[in-house]
Amino acid sequence: MKNGRESLSDGTVLQRYRCKECSKCFNDRTGTPMARLRTPSSVVATALNGRSEGLGVRATGRLFGASHSTILRWEERLAHQADAWSPPAPADRDVTLEGDEVYTRVGKNLSPR
């Protein structure tokens, strides 16, 4: 049954529900990667699309009013859902994935090979 509403940072309202049998509360996001996030789904999706286009973590945070660690947590949370973000390849076709020229330093400064 309905059990109040909660507002997100952009004013979007989520309906809360309470189970009549066990009295647990939930909303439309419960059980999804977006559960317990106070940020609208559209903002998270746009920020992660920017990251996939080569925008840096700190720049993405500045653009969307979030810290760089928040952006990284969004990426980590949704990384397991990558298959849901793009359609599957046709069974009778080969797929080639190409990266761009973005390099990330891990440990030592080494020139790209």
C-alpha atoms as a PDB file:
ATOM      1  CA  MET A   1       0.000   0.000   0.000  1.00  0.00           C
ATOM      2  CA  LYS A   2       1.114   3.582  -0.534  1.00  0.00           C
ATOM      3  CA  ASN A   3       3.080   5.047   2.347  1.00  0.00           C
ATOM      4  CA  GLY A   4       4.066   8.638   1.577  1.00  0.00           C
ATOM      5  CA  ARG A   5       6.469  10.193  -0.888  1.00  0.00           C
ATOM      6  CA  GLU A   6      10.082  11.250  -0.981  1.00  0.00           C
ATOM      7  CA  SER A   7      11.697  13.999  -3.059  1.00  0.00           C
ATOM      8  CA  LEU A   8      14.967  13.807  -4.945  1.00  0.00           C
ATOM      9  CA  SER A   9      17.378  16.718  -5.315  1.00  0.00           C
ATOM     10  CA  ASP A  10      15.767  17.893  -8.578  1.00  0.00           C
ATOM     11  CA  GLY A  11      12.246  17.837  -7.152  1.00  0.00           C
ATOM     12  CA  THR A  12      11.303  14.462  -8.637  1.00  0.00           C
ATOM     13  CA  VAL A  13       8.927  12.679  -6.297  1.00  0.00           C
ATOM     14  CA  LEU A  14       9.161   8.936  -5.623  1.00  0.00           C
ATOM     15  CA  GLN A  15       6.174   7.077  -4.211  1.00  0.00           C
ATOM     16  CA  ARG A  16       6.938   5.002  -1.112  1.00  0.00           C
ATOM     17  CA  TYR A  17       5.117   1.767  -0.370  1.00  0.00           C
ATOM     18  CA  ARG A  18       4.743  -0.485   2.697  1.00  0.00           C
ATOM     19  CA  CYS A  19       4.170  -4.233   2.496  1.00  0.00           C
ATOM     20  CA  LYS A  20       1.003  -5.254   4.363  1.00  0.00           C
ATOM     21  CA  GLU A  21       2.478  -8.625   5.333  1.00  0.00           C
ATOM     22  CA  CYS A  22       5.986  -7.788   6.551  1.00  0.00           C
ATOM     23  CA  SER A  23       5.694  -3.972   7.028  1.00  0.00           C
ATOM     24  CA  LYS A  24       8.869  -3.299   4.997  1.00  0.00           C
ATOM     25  CA  CYS A  25       9.067  -0.042   3.052  1.00  0.00           C
ATOM     26  CA  PHE A  26      10.204   0.208  -0.575  1.00  0.00           C
ATOM     27  CA  ASN A  27       9.915   2.401  -3.659  1.00  0.00           C
ATOM     28  CA  ASP A  28      10.191   1.981  -7.440  1.00  0.00           C
ATOM     29  CA  ARG A  29      14.002   1.921  -7.251  1.00  0.00           C
ATOM     30  CA  THR A  30      14.248  -0.837  -4.638  1.00  0.00           C
ATOM     31  CA  GLY A  31      16.145  -3.825  -5.992  1.00  0.00           C
ATOM     32  CA  THR A  32      17.710  -1.838  -8.850  1.00  0.00           C
ATOM     33  CA  PRO A  33      21.212  -0.326  -9.175  1.00  0.00           C
ATOM     34  CA  MET A  34      19.605   3.068  -8.499  1.00  0.00           C
ATOM     35  CA  ALA A  35      18.297   1.995  -5.062  1.00  0.00           C
ATOM     36  CA  ARG A  36      19.132   4.395  -2.227  1.00  0.00           C
ATOM     37  CA  LEU A  37      20.514   7.062  -4.546  1.00  0.00           C
ATOM     38  CA  ARG A  38      19.136  10.536  -3.929  1.00  0.00           C
ATOM     39  CA  THR A  39      20.205  11.669  -7.408  1.00  0.00           C
ATOM     40  CA  PRO A  40      17.773  11.447 -10.339  1.00  0.00           C
ATOM     41  CA  SER A  41      18.437   8.576 -12.750  1.00  0.00           C
ATOM     42  CA  SER A  42      18.723  10.999 -15.659  1.00  0.00           C
ATOM     43  CA  VAL A  43      21.618  12.863 -13.989  1.00  0.00           C
ATOM     44  CA  VAL A  44      23.507   9.648 -13.233  1.00  0.00           C
ATOM     45  CA  ALA A  45      22.986   8.366 -16.792  1.00  0.00           C
ATOM     46  CA  THR A  46      24.129  11.659 -18.346  1.00  0.00           C
ATOM     47  CA  ALA A  47      27.206  11.811 -16.113  1.00  0.00           C
ATOM     48  CA  LEU A  48      28.210   8.252 -16.978  1.00  0.00           C
ATOM     49  CA  ASN A  49      27.646   8.882 -20.677  1.00  0.00           C
ATOM     50  CA  GLY A  50      30.026  11.843 -20.363  1.00  0.00           C
ATOM     51  CA  ARG A  51      32.595   9.580 -18.727  1.00  0.00           C
ATOM     52  CA  SER A  52      32.253   7.052 -21.541  1.00  0.00           C
ATOM     53  CA  GLU A  53      32.938   9.855 -24.026  1.00  0.00           C
ATOM     54  CA  GLY A  54      36.261  10.646 -22.327  1.00  0.00           C
ATOM     55  CA  LEU A  55      35.310  13.306 -19.783  1.00  0.00           C
ATOM     56  CA  GLY A  56      37.520  13.119 -16.690  1.00  0.00           C
ATOM     57  CA  VAL A  57      36.210  12.121 -13.278  1.00  0.00           C
ATOM     58  CA  ARG A  58      36.814  15.512 -11.665  1.00  0.00           C
ATOM     59  CA  ALA A  59      35.422  17.416 -14.652  1.00  0.00           C
ATOM     60  CA  THR A  60      32.299  15.250 -14.576  1.00  0.00           C
ATOM     61  CA  GLY A  61      31.912  15.959 -10.876  1.00  0.00           C
ATOM     62  CA  ARG A  62      32.179  19.712 -11.458  1.00  0.00           C
ATOM     63  CA  LEU A  63      29.612  19.630 -14.261  1.00  0.00           C
ATOM     64  CA  PHE A  64      27.051  17.630 -12.282  1.00  0.00           C
ATOM     65  CA  GLY A  65      27.640  19.121  -8.832  1.00  0.00           C
ATOM     66  CA  ALA A  66      29.003  15.896  -7.335  1.00  0.00           C
ATOM     67  CA  SER A  67      32.381  14.937  -5.954  1.00  0.00           C
ATOM     68  CA  HIS A  68      34.753  12.832  -8.030  1.00  0.00           C
ATOM     69  CA  SER A  69      34.384   9.998  -5.530  1.00  0.00           C
ATOM     70  CA  THR A  70      30.613  10.052  -6.054  1.00  0.00           C
ATOM     71  CA  ILE A  71      31.106   9.702  -9.816  1.00  0.00           C
ATOM     72  CA  LEU A  72      33.426   6.739  -9.215  1.00  0.00           C
ATOM     73  CA  ARG A  73      30.865   5.108  -6.901  1.00  0.00           C
ATOM     74  CA  TRP A  74      28.172   5.524  -9.589  1.00  0.00           C
ATOM     75  CA  GLU A  75      30.496   3.838 -12.095  1.00  0.00           C
ATOM     76  CA  GLU A  76      31.239   0.988  -9.712  1.00  0.00           C
ATOM     77  CA  ARG A  77      27.565   0.509  -8.862  1.00  0.00           C
ATOM     78  CA  LEU A  78      26.485   0.384 -12.500  1.00  0.00           C
ATOM     79  CA  ALA A  79      29.482  -1.499 -13.924  1.00  0.00           C
ATOM     80  CA  HIS A  80      27.723  -4.801 -13.318  1.00  0.00           C
ATOM     81  CA  GLN A  81      24.795  -3.531 -15.393  1.00  0.00           C
ATOM     82  CA  ALA A  82      26.827  -2.804 -18.544  1.00  0.00           C
ATOM     83  CA  ASP A  83      24.897  -5.361 -20.584  1.00  0.00           C
ATOM     84  CA  ALA A  84      21.660  -3.495 -19.910  1.00  0.00           C
ATOM     85  CA  TRP A  85      23.111  -0.227 -21.288  1.00  0.00           C
ATOM     86  CA  SER A  86      23.676  -1.486 -24.808  1.00  0.00           C
ATOM     87  CA  PRO A  87      21.879  -4.004 -26.991  1.00  0.00           C
ATOM     88  CA  PRO A  88      23.451  -7.444 -27.474  1.00  0.00           C
ATOM     89  CA  ALA A  89      25.411  -8.121 -30.625  1.00  0.00           C
ATOM     90  CA  PRO A  90      23.652 -10.127 -33.342  1.00  0.00           C
ATOM     91  CA  ALA A  91      24.440 -13.849 -33.017  1.00  0.00           C
ATOM     92  CA  ASP A  92      25.637 -14.177 -36.615  1.00  0.00           C
ATOM     93  CA  ARG A  93      28.048 -11.177 -36.509  1.00  0.00           C
ATOM     94  CA  ASP A  94      31.512 -10.443 -35.150  1.00  0.00           C
ATOM     95  CA  VAL A  95      31.873  -7.405 -32.924  1.00  0.00           C
ATOM     96  CA  THR A  96      34.978  -5.240 -32.698  1.00  0.00           C
ATOM     97  CA  LEU A  97      35.366  -2.856 -29.781  1.00  0.00           C
ATOM     98  CA  GLU A  98      37.630   0.134 -30.222  1.00  0.00           C
ATOM     99  CA  GLY A  99      38.943   2.367 -27.454  1.00  0.00           C
ATOM    100  CA  ASP A 100      39.990   5.965 -27.852  1.00  0.00           C
ATOM    101  CA  GLU A 101      43.238   7.758 -27.004  1.00  0.00           C
ATOM    102  CA  VAL A 102      42.611   8.248 -23.288  1.00  0.00           C
ATOM    103  CA  TYR A 103      45.415   6.915 -21.113  1.00  0.00           C
ATOM    104  CA  THR A 104      45.236   6.421 -17.384  1.00  0.00           C
ATOM    105  CA  ARG A 105      48.318   6.376 -15.179  1.00  0.00           C
ATOM    106  CA  VAL A 106      48.420   3.403 -12.843  1.00  0.00           C
ATOM    107  CA  GLY A 107      51.492   3.170 -10.653  1.00  0.00           C
ATOM    108  CA  LYS A 108      54.269   4.501 -12.912  1.00  0.00           C
ATOM    109  CA  ASN A 109      54.427   7.060 -15.690  1.00  0.00           C
ATOM    110  CA  LEU A 110      54.992   4.934 -18.771  1.00  0.00           C
ATOM    111  CA  SER A 111      54.603   6.040 -22.351  1.00  0.00           C
ATOM    112  CA  PRO A 112      51.815   4.334 -24.318  1.00  0.00           C
ATOM    113  CA  ARG A 113      52.988   1.506 -26.543  1.00  0.00           C
END
